[in-house]
């Protein structure tokens, strides 16, 4: 399952980041690393972006970024 599939209020643990190259580095620089707990706070009315809570702060990601983040519930 990916971060994109989680609904508001659901949480999980980052299992892996599927993308390679600059996109992977950008996602990891924002603090999204394997083994980190993550919770979806809300999703915008049209579905993009997704607001998450990770490492004690809120972060907004686009759907295309969220699809590369694999989650374990």
PDB file of N, CA and C in Angstrom:
ATOM      1  N   UNK A   1       0.848  -1.171   0.000  1.00  0.00           N
ATOM      2  CA  UNK A   1       0.000   0.000   0.000  1.00  0.00           C
ATOM      3  C   UNK A   1       0.894   1.234   0.000  1.00  0.00           C
ATOM      4  N   UNK A   2       0.414   2.289  -0.623  1.00  0.00           N
ATOM      5  CA  UNK A   2       1.199   3.524  -0.669  1.00  0.00           C
ATOM      6  C   UNK A   2       0.570   4.591   0.218  1.00  0.00           C
ATOM      7  N   UNK A   3       1.308   5.638   0.468  1.00  0.00           N
ATOM      8  CA  UNK A   3       0.800   6.753   1.264  1.00  0.00           C
ATOM      9  C   UNK A   3      -0.435   7.352   0.598  1.00  0.00           C
ATOM     10  N   UNK A   4      -0.477   7.323  -0.690  1.00  0.00           N
ATOM     11  CA  UNK A   4      -1.615   7.857  -1.442  1.00  0.00           C
ATOM     12  C   UNK A   4      -2.911   7.117  -1.109  1.00  0.00           C
ATOM     13  N   UNK A   5      -2.829   5.842  -0.698  1.00  0.00           N
ATOM     14  CA  UNK A   5      -4.005   5.024  -0.412  1.00  0.00           C
ATOM     15  C   UNK A   5      -4.581   5.252   0.989  1.00  0.00           C
ATOM     16  N   UNK A   6      -3.816   5.871   1.889  1.00  0.00           N
ATOM     17  CA  UNK A   6      -4.305   6.091   3.255  1.00  0.00           C
ATOM     18  C   UNK A   6      -5.362   7.186   3.276  1.00  0.00           C
ATOM     19  N   UNK A   7      -6.336   7.016   4.149  1.00  0.00           N
ATOM     20  CA  UNK A   7      -7.407   7.995   4.334  1.00  0.00           C
ATOM     21  C   UNK A   7      -7.069   8.872   5.544  1.00  0.00           C
ATOM     22  N   UNK A   8      -7.690  10.055   5.649  1.00  0.00           N
ATOM     23  CA  UNK A   8      -7.445  10.905   6.807  1.00  0.00           C
ATOM     24  C   UNK A   8      -7.713  10.172   8.119  1.00  0.00           C
ATOM     25  N   UNK A   9      -6.786  10.320   9.064  1.00  0.00           N
ATOM     26  CA  UNK A   9      -6.889   9.657  10.358  1.00  0.00           C
ATOM     27  C   UNK A   9      -6.139   8.336  10.418  1.00  0.00           C
ATOM     28  N   UNK A  10      -5.810   7.743   9.277  1.00  0.00           N
ATOM     29  CA  UNK A  10      -5.075   6.480   9.253  1.00  0.00           C
ATOM     30  C   UNK A  10      -3.577   6.742   9.388  1.00  0.00           C
ATOM     31  N   UNK A  11      -2.891   5.744   9.938  1.00  0.00           N
ATOM     32  CA  UNK A  11      -1.447   5.887  10.102  1.00  0.00           C
ATOM     33  C   UNK A  11      -0.746   4.588   9.752  1.00  0.00           C
ATOM     34  N   UNK A  12       0.554   4.661   9.650  1.00  0.00           N
ATOM     35  CA  UNK A  12       1.364   3.498   9.323  1.00  0.00           C
ATOM     36  C   UNK A  12       2.834   3.828   9.463  1.00  0.00           C
ATOM     37  N   UNK A  13       3.667   2.915   9.006  1.00  0.00           N
ATOM     38  CA  UNK A  13       5.112   3.079   9.059  1.00  0.00           C
ATOM     39  C   UNK A  13       5.655   3.031   7.635  1.00  0.00           C
ATOM     40  N   UNK A  14       6.589   3.922   7.348  1.00  0.00           N
ATOM     41  CA  UNK A  14       7.194   3.950   6.017  1.00  0.00           C
ATOM     42  C   UNK A  14       8.017   2.673   5.837  1.00  0.00           C
ATOM     43  N   UNK A  15       7.681   1.877   4.818  1.00  0.00           N
ATOM     44  CA  UNK A  15       8.408   0.641   4.538  1.00  0.00           C
ATOM     45  C   UNK A  15       9.566   0.900   3.578  1.00  0.00           C
ATOM     46  N   UNK A  16       9.298   1.668   2.518  1.00  0.00           N
ATOM     47  CA  UNK A  16      10.345   1.977   1.545  1.00  0.00           C
ATOM     48  C   UNK A  16       9.898   3.147   0.678  1.00  0.00           C
ATOM     49  N   UNK A  17      10.854   3.657  -0.087  1.00  0.00           N
ATOM     50  CA  UNK A  17      10.566   4.717  -1.045  1.00  0.00           C
ATOM     51  C   UNK A  17      10.945   4.161  -2.409  1.00  0.00           C
ATOM     52  N   UNK A  18       9.950   4.002  -3.270  1.00  0.00           N
ATOM     53  CA  UNK A  18      10.135   3.314  -4.534  1.00  0.00           C
ATOM     54  C   UNK A  18      10.889   4.061  -5.605  1.00  0.00           C
ATOM     55  N   UNK A  19      10.849   5.370  -5.596  1.00  0.00           N
ATOM     56  CA  UNK A  19      11.483   6.169  -6.639  1.00  0.00           C
ATOM     57  C   UNK A  19      13.000   6.207  -6.443  1.00  0.00           C
ATOM     58  N   UNK A  20      13.715   6.309  -7.533  1.00  0.00           N
ATOM     59  CA  UNK A  20      15.175   6.449  -7.491  1.00  0.00           C
ATOM     60  C   UNK A  20      15.561   7.847  -7.956  1.00  0.00           C
ATOM     61  N   UNK A  21      16.755   8.276  -7.615  1.00  0.00           N
ATOM     62  CA  UNK A  21      17.275   9.542  -8.107  1.00  0.00           C
ATOM     63  C   UNK A  21      16.836  10.745  -7.301  1.00  0.00           C
ATOM     64  N   UNK A  22      16.692  11.902  -7.972  1.00  0.00           N
ATOM     65  CA  UNK A  22      16.414  13.163  -7.282  1.00  0.00           C
ATOM     66  C   UNK A  22      15.103  13.172  -6.489  1.00  0.00           C
ATOM     67  N   UNK A  23      14.059  12.497  -6.997  1.00  0.00           N
ATOM     68  CA  UNK A  23      12.783  12.470  -6.276  1.00  0.00           C
ATOM     69  C   UNK A  23      12.942  11.751  -4.945  1.00  0.00           C
ATOM     70  N   UNK A  24      13.638  10.627  -4.926  1.00  0.00           N
ATOM     71  CA  UNK A  24      13.885   9.881  -3.678  1.00  0.00           C
ATOM     72  C   UNK A  24      14.654  10.748  -2.682  1.00  0.00           C
ATOM     73  N   UNK A  25      15.682  11.422  -3.136  1.00  0.00           N
ATOM     74  CA  UNK A  25      16.496  12.284  -2.274  1.00  0.00           C
ATOM     75  C   UNK A  25      15.640  13.405  -1.702  1.00  0.00           C
ATOM     76  N   UNK A  26      14.790  14.002  -2.527  1.00  0.00           N
ATOM     77  CA  UNK A  26      13.917  15.098  -2.075  1.00  0.00           C
ATOM     78  C   UNK A  26      12.959  14.615  -0.986  1.00  0.00           C
ATOM     79  N   UNK A  27      12.353  13.459  -1.194  1.00  0.00           N
ATOM     80  CA  UNK A  27      11.422  12.898  -0.211  1.00  0.00           C
ATOM     81  C   UNK A  27      12.155  12.599   1.096  1.00  0.00           C
ATOM     82  N   UNK A  28      13.337  12.010   0.998  1.00  0.00           N
ATOM     83  CA  UNK A  28      14.105  11.677   2.206  1.00  0.00           C
ATOM     84  C   UNK A  28      14.603  12.933   2.922  1.00  0.00           C
ATOM     85  N   UNK A  29      14.941  13.971   2.188  1.00  0.00           N
ATOM     86  CA  UNK A  29      15.374  15.237   2.798  1.00  0.00           C
ATOM     87  C   UNK A  29      14.261  15.883   3.606  1.00  0.00           C
ATOM     88  N   UNK A  30      13.000  15.580   3.265  1.00  0.00           N
ATOM     89  CA  UNK A  30      11.867  16.115   4.024  1.00  0.00           C
ATOM     90  C   UNK A  30      11.611  15.315   5.303  1.00  0.00           C
ATOM     91  N   UNK A  31      12.394  14.268   5.538  1.00  0.00           N
ATOM     92  CA  UNK A  31      12.251  13.486   6.760  1.00  0.00           C
ATOM     93  C   UNK A  31      11.488  12.199   6.602  1.00  0.00           C
ATOM     94  N   UNK A  32      11.076  11.880   5.384  1.00  0.00           N
ATOM     95  CA  UNK A  32      10.336  10.647   5.125  1.00  0.00           C
ATOM     96  C   UNK A  32      11.360   9.550   4.835  1.00  0.00           C
ATOM     97  N   UNK A  33      11.677   8.760   5.863  1.00  0.00           N
ATOM     98  CA  UNK A  33      12.661   7.694   5.727  1.00  0.00           C
ATOM     99  C   UNK A  33      12.057   6.374   6.199  1.00  0.00           C
ATOM    100  N   UNK A  34      12.553   5.248   5.705  1.00  0.00           N
ATOM    101  CA  UNK A  34      12.020   3.946   6.140  1.00  0.00           C
ATOM    102  C   UNK A  34      12.071   3.784   7.654  1.00  0.00           C
ATOM    103  N   UNK A  35      10.992   3.226   8.221  1.00  0.00           N
ATOM    104  CA  UNK A  35      10.892   3.000   9.658  1.00  0.00           C
ATOM    105  C   UNK A  35      10.237   4.138  10.422  1.00  0.00           C
ATOM    106  N   UNK A  36       9.928   5.230   9.751  1.00  0.00           N
ATOM    107  CA  UNK A  36       9.325   6.400  10.395  1.00  0.00           C
ATOM    108  C   UNK A  36       7.804   6.266  10.431  1.00  0.00           C
ATOM    109  N   UNK A  37       7.214   6.624  11.570  1.00  0.00           N
ATOM    110  CA  UNK A  37       5.761   6.603  11.719  1.00  0.00           C
ATOM    111  C   UNK A  37       5.164   7.810  10.995  1.00  0.00           C
ATOM    112  N   UNK A  38       4.027   7.593  10.343  1.00  0.00           N
ATOM    113  CA  UNK A  38       3.406   8.641   9.534  1.00  0.00           C
ATOM    114  C   UNK A  38       1.884   8.568   9.697  1.00  0.00           C
ATOM    115  N   UNK A  39       1.225   9.732   9.748  1.00  0.00           N
ATOM    116  CA  UNK A  39      -0.232   9.772   9.895  1.00  0.00           C
ATOM    117  C   UNK A  39      -0.795  10.797   8.918  1.00  0.00           C
ATOM    118  N   UNK A  40      -1.866  10.433   8.231  1.00  0.00           N
ATOM    119  CA  UNK A  40      -2.527  11.354   7.304  1.00  0.00           C
ATOM    120  C   UNK A  40      -3.470  12.240   8.113  1.00  0.00           C
ATOM    121  N   UNK A  41      -3.251  13.534   8.035  1.00  0.00           N
ATOM    122  CA  UNK A  41      -4.086  14.502   8.760  1.00  0.00           C
ATOM    123  C   UNK A  41      -5.322  14.864   7.935  1.00  0.00           C
ATOM    124  N   UNK A  42      -5.101  15.302   6.708  1.00  0.00           N
ATOM    125  CA  UNK A  42      -6.233  15.641   5.841  1.00  0.00           C
ATOM    126  C   UNK A  42      -5.799  15.597   4.384  1.00  0.00           C
ATOM    127  N   UNK A  43      -6.799  15.514   3.525  1.00  0.00           N
ATOM    128  CA  UNK A  43      -6.598  15.515   2.084  1.00  0.00           C
ATOM    129  C   UNK A  43      -7.401  16.680   1.526  1.00  0.00           C
ATOM    130  N   UNK A  44      -6.804  17.432   0.622  1.00  0.00           N
ATOM    131  CA  UNK A  44      -7.491  18.581   0.024  1.00  0.00           C
ATOM    132  C   UNK A  44      -8.764  18.117  -0.693  1.00  0.00           C
ATOM    133  N   UNK A  45      -9.749  19.005  -0.861  1.00  0.00           N
ATOM    134  CA  UNK A  45     -11.021  18.628  -1.474  1.00  0.00           C
ATOM    135  C   UNK A  45     -10.893  17.928  -2.827  1.00  0.00           C
ATOM    136  N   UNK A  46      -9.947  18.320  -3.637  1.00  0.00           N
ATOM    137  CA  UNK A  46      -9.765  17.675  -4.933  1.00  0.00           C
ATOM    138  C   UNK A  46      -8.728  16.547  -4.872  1.00  0.00           C
ATOM    139  N   UNK A  47      -8.261  16.223  -3.652  1.00  0.00           N
ATOM    140  CA  UNK A  47      -7.355  15.098  -3.472  1.00  0.00           C
ATOM    141  C   UNK A  47      -5.880  15.426  -3.542  1.00  0.00           C
ATOM    142  N   UNK A  48      -5.519  16.668  -3.799  1.00  0.00           N
ATOM    143  CA  UNK A  48      -4.117  17.024  -3.935  1.00  0.00           C
ATOM    144  C   UNK A  48      -3.903  18.414  -3.375  1.00  0.00           C
ATOM    145  N   UNK A  49      -3.087  18.641  -2.380  1.00  0.00           N
ATOM    146  CA  UNK A  49      -2.108  17.756  -1.758  1.00  0.00           C
ATOM    147  C   UNK A  49      -2.661  16.982  -0.561  1.00  0.00           C
ATOM    148  N   UNK A  50      -1.794  16.144   0.006  1.00  0.00           N
ATOM    149  CA  UNK A  50      -2.099  15.344   1.194  1.00  0.00           C
ATOM    150  C   UNK A  50      -1.271  15.903   2.338  1.00  0.00           C
ATOM    151  N   UNK A  51      -1.919  16.211   3.469  1.00  0.00           N
ATOM    152  CA  UNK A  51      -1.194  16.716   4.639  1.00  0.00           C
ATOM    153  C   UNK A  51      -0.938  15.556   5.589  1.00  0.00           C
ATOM    154  N   UNK A  52       0.325  15.372   5.979  1.00  0.00           N
ATOM    155  CA  UNK A  52       0.697  14.280   6.871  1.00  0.00           C
ATOM    156  C   UNK A  52       1.415  14.826   8.099  1.00  0.00           C
ATOM    157  N   UNK A  53       1.431  14.023   9.150  1.00  0.00           N
ATOM    158  CA  UNK A  53       2.213  14.331  10.348  1.00  0.00           C
ATOM    159  C   UNK A  53       3.333  13.305  10.409  1.00  0.00           C
ATOM    160  N   UNK A  54       4.564  13.788  10.433  1.00  0.00           N
ATOM    161  CA  UNK A  54       5.732  12.926  10.492  1.00  0.00           C
ATOM    162  C   UNK A  54       6.802  13.609  11.328  1.00  0.00           C
ATOM    163  N   UNK A  55       7.374  12.871  12.268  1.00  0.00           N
ATOM    164  CA  UNK A  55       8.424  13.384  13.152  1.00  0.00           C
ATOM    165  C   UNK A  55       7.998  14.638  13.903  1.00  0.00           C
ATOM    166  N   UNK A  56       6.689  14.743  14.204  1.00  0.00           N
ATOM    167  CA  UNK A  56       6.200  15.861  15.008  1.00  0.00           C
ATOM    168  C   UNK A  56       5.883  17.126  14.237  1.00  0.00           C
ATOM    169  N   UNK A  57       5.919  17.109  12.931  1.00  0.00           N
ATOM    170  CA  UNK A  57       5.534  18.286  12.162  1.00  0.00           C
ATOM    171  C   UNK A  57       4.629  17.894  11.009  1.00  0.00           C
ATOM    172  N   UNK A  58       3.917  18.892  10.471  1.00  0.00           N
ATOM    173  CA  UNK A  58       3.011  18.658   9.359  1.00  0.00           C
ATOM    174  C   UNK A  58       3.742  18.926   8.049  1.00  0.00           C
ATOM    175  N   UNK A  59       3.481  18.077   7.082  1.00  0.00           N
ATOM    176  CA  UNK A  59       4.118  18.167   5.781  1.00  0.00           C
ATOM    177  C   UNK A  59       3.053  17.918   4.719  1.00  0.00           C
ATOM    178  N   UNK A  60       3.067  18.692   3.651  1.00  0.00           N
ATOM    179  CA  UNK A  60       2.133  18.488   2.542  1.00  0.00           C
ATOM    180  C   UNK A  60       2.885  17.895   1.366  1.00  0.00           C
ATOM    181  N   UNK A  61       2.321  16.826   0.811  1.00  0.00           N
ATOM    182  CA  UNK A  61       2.910  16.150  -0.340  1.00  0.00           C
ATOM    183  C   UNK A  61       1.888  16.062  -1.465  1.00  0.00           C
ATOM    184  N   UNK A  62       2.345  16.136  -2.667  1.00  0.00           N
ATOM    185  CA  UNK A  62       1.488  15.930  -3.818  1.00  0.00           C
ATOM    186  C   UNK A  62       1.221  14.443  -3.988  1.00  0.00           C
ATOM    187  N   UNK A  63       0.132  14.105  -4.681  1.00  0.00           N
ATOM    188  CA  UNK A  63      -0.210  12.696  -4.920  1.00  0.00           C
ATOM    189  C   UNK A  63       0.905  11.961  -5.659  1.00  0.00           C
ATOM    190  N   UNK A  64       1.529  12.628  -6.630  1.00  0.00           N
ATOM    191  CA  UNK A  64       2.589  11.965  -7.388  1.00  0.00           C
ATOM    192  C   UNK A  64       3.806  11.664  -6.522  1.00  0.00           C
ATOM    193  N   UNK A  65       4.050  12.442  -5.473  1.00  0.00           N
ATOM    194  CA  UNK A  65       5.131  12.147  -4.532  1.00  0.00           C
ATOM    195  C   UNK A  65       4.703  11.031  -3.581  1.00  0.00           C
ATOM    196  N   UNK A  66       3.456  11.078  -3.130  1.00  0.00           N
ATOM    197  CA  UNK A  66       2.946  10.096  -2.167  1.00  0.00           C
ATOM    198  C   UNK A  66       2.866   8.686  -2.737  1.00  0.00           C
ATOM    199  N   UNK A  67       2.717   8.552  -4.049  1.00  0.00           N
ATOM    200  CA  UNK A  67       2.598   7.221  -4.641  1.00  0.00           C
ATOM    201  C   UNK A  67       3.896   6.425  -4.555  1.00  0.00           C
ATOM    202  N   UNK A  68       5.035   7.085  -4.328  1.00  0.00           N
ATOM    203  CA  UNK A  68       6.323   6.392  -4.237  1.00  0.00           C
ATOM    204  C   UNK A  68       6.640   5.922  -2.820  1.00  0.00           C
ATOM    205  N   UNK A  69       5.838   6.337  -1.830  1.00  0.00           N
ATOM    206  CA  UNK A  69       6.106   5.990  -0.432  1.00  0.00           C
ATOM    207  C   UNK A  69       5.270   4.783  -0.048  1.00  0.00           C
ATOM    208  N   UNK A  70       5.929   3.663   0.172  1.00  0.00           N
ATOM    209  CA  UNK A  70       5.270   2.415   0.539  1.00  0.00           C
ATOM    210  C   UNK A  70       5.052   2.399   2.060  1.00  0.00           C
ATOM    211  N   UNK A  71       3.832   2.023   2.488  1.00  0.00           N
ATOM    212  CA  UNK A  71       3.430   2.062   3.898  1.00  0.00           C
ATOM    213  C   UNK A  71       3.029   0.682   4.385  1.00  0.00           C
ATOM    214  N   UNK A  72       3.407   0.373   5.640  1.00  0.00           N
ATOM    215  CA  UNK A  72       2.899  -0.812   6.350  1.00  0.00           C
ATOM    216  C   UNK A  72       1.974  -0.301   7.428  1.00  0.00           C
ATOM    217  N   UNK A  73       0.770  -0.858   7.488  1.00  0.00           N
ATOM    218  CA  UNK A  73      -0.190  -0.438   8.528  1.00  0.00           C
ATOM    219  C   UNK A  73       0.136  -1.058   9.850  1.00  0.00           C
TER     220      UNK A  73
END
